[in-house]
Amino acid sequence: MDRLKKAAADHREAAAVVRSRGNEAKAKRMEDRADELESGRVTDATDQLSALTRWAFRR
């Protein structure tokens, strides 16, 4: 869950930079993605994928 919170914070920071450069549409998309990450609608499958990859390459 910490990865998702960090990613959301990174998206919000990047959105501020993009907005300062005059690209409001892209900033809005980035903030929407940050909202998705914070809402819990997105699951972090990184650990599961890493375990599956390790298992597959052991065989």
Protein backbone atom coordinates (compact mmCIF):
# COMPACT_ATOMS: atom_id res chain seq x y z
CA MET A 1 0.00 0.00 0.00
CA ASP A 2 2.91 2.34 0.61
CA ARG A 3 3.88 2.06 -3.05
CA LEU A 4 0.45 3.24 -4.10
CA LYS A 5 0.52 6.21 -1.73
CA LYS A 6 3.99 7.16 -2.99
CA ALA A 7 2.85 6.81 -6.59
CA ALA A 8 -0.18 9.01 -5.88
CA ALA A 9 2.03 11.66 -4.30
CA ASP A 10 4.38 11.50 -7.29
CA HIS A 11 1.42 11.91 -9.67
CA ARG A 12 0.18 14.96 -7.77
CA GLU A 13 3.65 16.51 -7.79
CA ALA A 14 4.03 15.87 -11.51
CA ALA A 15 0.56 17.31 -12.13
CA ALA A 16 1.61 20.55 -10.43
CA VAL A 17 4.67 20.79 -12.68
CA VAL A 18 2.64 20.05 -15.81
CA ARG A 19 0.01 22.61 -14.78
CA SER A 20 2.69 25.25 -14.26
CA ARG A 21 3.79 24.61 -17.83
CA GLY A 22 0.28 25.28 -19.08
CA ASN A 23 -1.02 21.78 -19.83
CA GLU A 24 -4.22 21.64 -17.76
CA ALA A 25 -5.67 18.56 -19.51
CA LYS A 26 -2.66 16.38 -18.75
CA ALA A 27 -2.52 17.66 -15.17
CA LYS A 28 -6.17 16.70 -14.71
CA ARG A 29 -5.46 13.17 -16.00
CA MET A 30 -2.54 12.81 -13.60
CA GLU A 31 -4.64 13.98 -10.65
CA ASP A 32 -7.42 11.58 -11.63
CA ARG A 33 -4.89 8.74 -11.64
CA ALA A 34 -3.64 9.83 -8.21
CA ASP A 35 -7.24 9.74 -6.95
CA GLU A 36 -7.62 6.18 -8.29
CA LEU A 37 -4.43 5.08 -6.55
CA GLU A 38 -5.56 6.57 -3.24
CA SER A 39 -9.12 5.26 -3.44
CA GLY A 40 -8.22 1.60 -3.23
CA ARG A 41 -9.75 0.74 -6.61
CA VAL A 42 -6.26 -0.17 -7.80
CA THR A 43 -4.45 -3.11 -6.24
CA ASP A 44 -0.71 -3.48 -5.98
CA ALA A 45 0.21 -6.81 -7.53
CA THR A 46 3.97 -6.19 -7.59
CA ASP A 47 4.76 -8.72 -4.86
CA GLN A 48 2.51 -11.35 -6.42
CA LEU A 49 4.08 -10.87 -9.84
CA SER A 50 7.58 -11.05 -8.39
CA ALA A 51 6.78 -14.31 -6.62
CA LEU A 52 5.21 -15.78 -9.74
CA THR A 53 8.23 -14.80 -11.85
CA ARG A 54 10.66 -16.33 -9.36
CA TRP A 55 8.60 -19.50 -9.26
CA ALA A 56 8.41 -19.72 -13.07
CA PHE A 57 12.17 -19.28 -13.56
CA ARG A 58 13.01 -21.89 -10.94
CA ARG A 59 11.30 -24.58 -12.98
